C-alpha atoms as a PDB file:
ATOM      1  CA  UNK A   1      81.300 236.536 196.248  1.00  0.00           C
ATOM      2  CA  UNK A   2      84.825 235.281 196.828  1.00  0.00           C
ATOM      3  CA  UNK A   3      85.688 231.611 197.194  1.00  0.00           C
ATOM      4  CA  UNK A   4      89.062 230.311 198.399  1.00  0.00           C
ATOM      5  CA  UNK A   5      90.747 226.959 197.723  1.00  0.00           C
ATOM      6  CA  UNK A   6      91.572 225.436 201.128  1.00  0.00           C
ATOM      7  CA  UNK A   7      93.295 222.311 199.766  1.00  0.00           C
ATOM      8  CA  UNK A   8      96.942 221.727 198.884  1.00  0.00           C
ATOM      9  CA  UNK A   9      96.140 220.847 195.272  1.00  0.00           C
ATOM     10  CA  UNK A  10      94.655 222.853 192.387  1.00  0.00           C
ATOM     11  CA  UNK A  11      90.884 222.652 192.009  1.00  0.00           C
ATOM     12  CA  UNK A  12      88.578 222.846 189.032  1.00  0.00           C
ATOM     13  CA  UNK A  13      85.351 224.302 190.441  1.00  0.00           C
ATOM     14  CA  UNK A  14      82.273 223.571 188.275  1.00  0.00           C
ATOM     15  CA  UNK A  15      79.997 226.570 187.721  1.00  0.00           C
ATOM     16  CA  UNK A  16      76.545 226.967 186.164  1.00  0.00           C
ATOM     17  CA  UNK A  17      76.436 227.029 182.386  1.00  0.00           C
ATOM     18  CA  UNK A  18      79.156 224.403 181.983  1.00  0.00           C
ATOM     19  CA  UNK A  19      81.934 226.809 182.984  1.00  0.00           C
ATOM     20  CA  UNK A  20      84.795 226.051 185.364  1.00  0.00           C
ATOM     21  CA  UNK A  21      86.899 228.134 187.710  1.00  0.00           C
ATOM     22  CA  UNK A  22      90.470 226.914 188.178  1.00  0.00           C
ATOM     23  CA  UNK A  23      91.919 227.741 191.601  1.00  0.00           C
ATOM     24  CA  UNK A  24      95.511 227.173 192.700  1.00  0.00           C
ATOM     25  CA  UNK A  25      96.105 226.077 196.319  1.00  0.00           C
ATOM     26  CA  UNK A  26      95.281 228.893 198.737  1.00  0.00           C
ATOM     27  CA  UNK A  27      94.090 231.242 195.980  1.00  0.00           C
ATOM     28  CA  UNK A  28      90.678 232.835 195.669  1.00  0.00           C
ATOM     29  CA  UNK A  29      88.342 233.798 192.856  1.00  0.00           C
ATOM     30  CA  UNK A  30      85.007 235.507 192.390  1.00  0.00           C
ATOM     31  CA  UNK A  31      81.699 233.859 191.550  1.00  0.00           C
ATOM     32  CA  UNK A  32      78.180 235.217 191.325  1.00  0.00           C
ATOM     33  CA  UNK A  33      75.731 234.721 194.199  1.00  0.00           C
ATOM     34  CA  UNK A  34      73.680 232.550 191.811  1.00  0.00           C
ATOM     35  CA  UNK A  35      76.680 230.217 191.379  1.00  0.00           C
ATOM     36  CA  UNK A  36      76.868 229.576 195.140  1.00  0.00           C
ATOM     37  CA  UNK A  37      73.558 227.690 194.862  1.00  0.00           C
ATOM     38  CA  UNK A  38      74.947 225.351 192.142  1.00  0.00           C
ATOM     39  CA  UNK A  39      74.817 221.749 193.496  1.00  0.00           C
ATOM     40  CA  UNK A  40      78.434 220.901 192.600  1.00  0.00           C
ATOM     41  CA  UNK A  41      79.701 224.067 194.304  1.00  0.00           C
ATOM     42  CA  UNK A  42      77.548 223.395 197.392  1.00  0.00           C
ATOM     43  CA  UNK A  43      79.113 219.921 197.595  1.00  0.00           C
ATOM     44  CA  UNK A  44      82.640 221.401 197.621  1.00  0.00           C
ATOM     45  CA  UNK A  45      81.602 223.962 200.246  1.00  0.00           C
ATOM     46  CA  UNK A  46      80.137 221.260 202.492  1.00  0.00           C
ATOM     47  CA  UNK A  47      83.273 219.105 202.117  1.00  0.00           C
ATOM     48  CA  UNK A  48      85.459 222.021 203.209  1.00  0.00           C
ATOM     49  CA  UNK A  49      87.535 222.045 200.022  1.00  0.00           C
ATOM     50  CA  UNK A  50      86.559 225.651 199.339  1.00  0.00           C
ATOM     51  CA  UNK A  51      85.446 228.478 201.583  1.00  0.00           C
ATOM     52  CA  UNK A  52      83.110 231.325 200.727  1.00  0.00           C
ATOM     53  CA  UNK A  53      83.584 234.838 202.040  1.00  0.00           C
ATOM     54  CA  UNK A  54      80.297 236.704 201.887  1.00  0.00           C
ATOM     55  CA  UNK A  55      80.426 240.221 200.458  1.00  0.00           C
ATOM     56  CA  UNK A  56      84.132 240.047 199.595  1.00  0.00           C
ATOM     57  CA  UNK A  57      85.423 243.235 198.036  1.00  0.00           C
ATOM     58  CA  UNK A  58      88.480 243.568 195.853  1.00  0.00           C
ATOM     59  CA  UNK A  59      89.816 241.653 192.911  1.00  0.00           C
ATOM     60  CA  UNK A  60      90.294 237.938 192.465  1.00  0.00           C
ATOM     61  CA  UNK A  61      93.792 236.568 192.885  1.00  0.00           C
ATOM     62  CA  UNK A  62      93.718 233.622 190.516  1.00  0.00           C
ATOM     63  CA  UNK A  63      96.510 231.479 189.156  1.00  0.00           C
ATOM     64  CA  UNK A  64      98.771 234.116 187.604  1.00  0.00           C
ATOM     65  CA  UNK A  65      99.876 237.664 188.184  1.00  0.00           C
ATOM     66  CA  UNK A  66      98.819 240.366 185.780  1.00  0.00           C
ATOM     67  CA  UNK A  67     101.523 242.379 184.090  1.00  0.00           C
ATOM     68  CA  UNK A  68     101.459 245.659 182.260  1.00  0.00           C
ATOM     69  CA  UNK A  69     101.737 245.355 178.471  1.00  0.00           C
ATOM     70  CA  UNK A  70     105.239 245.659 177.096  1.00  0.00           C
ATOM     71  CA  UNK A  71     106.190 248.383 174.684  1.00  0.00           C
ATOM     72  CA  UNK A  72     108.897 248.174 172.068  1.00  0.00           C
ATOM     73  CA  UNK A  73     110.393 245.286 170.193  1.00  0.00           C
ATOM     74  CA  UNK A  74     110.634 241.861 171.764  1.00  0.00           C
ATOM     75  CA  UNK A  75     113.720 240.988 169.741  1.00  0.00           C
ATOM     76  CA  UNK A  76     115.816 243.998 170.654  1.00  0.00           C
ATOM     77  CA  UNK A  77     116.207 245.215 167.063  1.00  0.00           C
ATOM     78  CA  UNK A  78     116.622 248.769 165.844  1.00  0.00           C
ATOM     79  CA  UNK A  79     112.917 249.201 165.273  1.00  0.00           C
ATOM     80  CA  UNK A  80     113.179 249.373 161.451  1.00  0.00           C
ATOM     81  CA  UNK A  81     111.020 246.876 159.584  1.00  0.00           C
ATOM     82  CA  UNK A  82     112.848 244.272 157.600  1.00  0.00           C
ATOM     83  CA  UNK A  83     111.997 244.362 153.922  1.00  0.00           C
ATOM     84  CA  UNK A  84     111.365 241.232 151.970  1.00  0.00           C
ATOM     85  CA  UNK A  85     110.211 240.307 148.493  1.00  0.00           C
ATOM     86  CA  UNK A  86     110.758 242.248 145.256  1.00  0.00           C
ATOM     87  CA  UNK A  87     112.147 245.757 145.627  1.00  0.00           C
END
């Protein structure tokens, strides 16, 4: 199930098991159908702070974008390891 933050401020959505889902303004995330029955989440749904889309397919678009892992050196060196200690 997808839920979307409809406010203009970031939300910390309490979930069962003491977990939290952090949603930026206008962003959405996925929760289990069991979590939609959690009293704190029902309160946010009733207040209109978040919206649930039933049966939402696709991935969650949370706070940050995912990037592919970088290859190579971060420092722009020649790739040779620097030796230290006794030789």
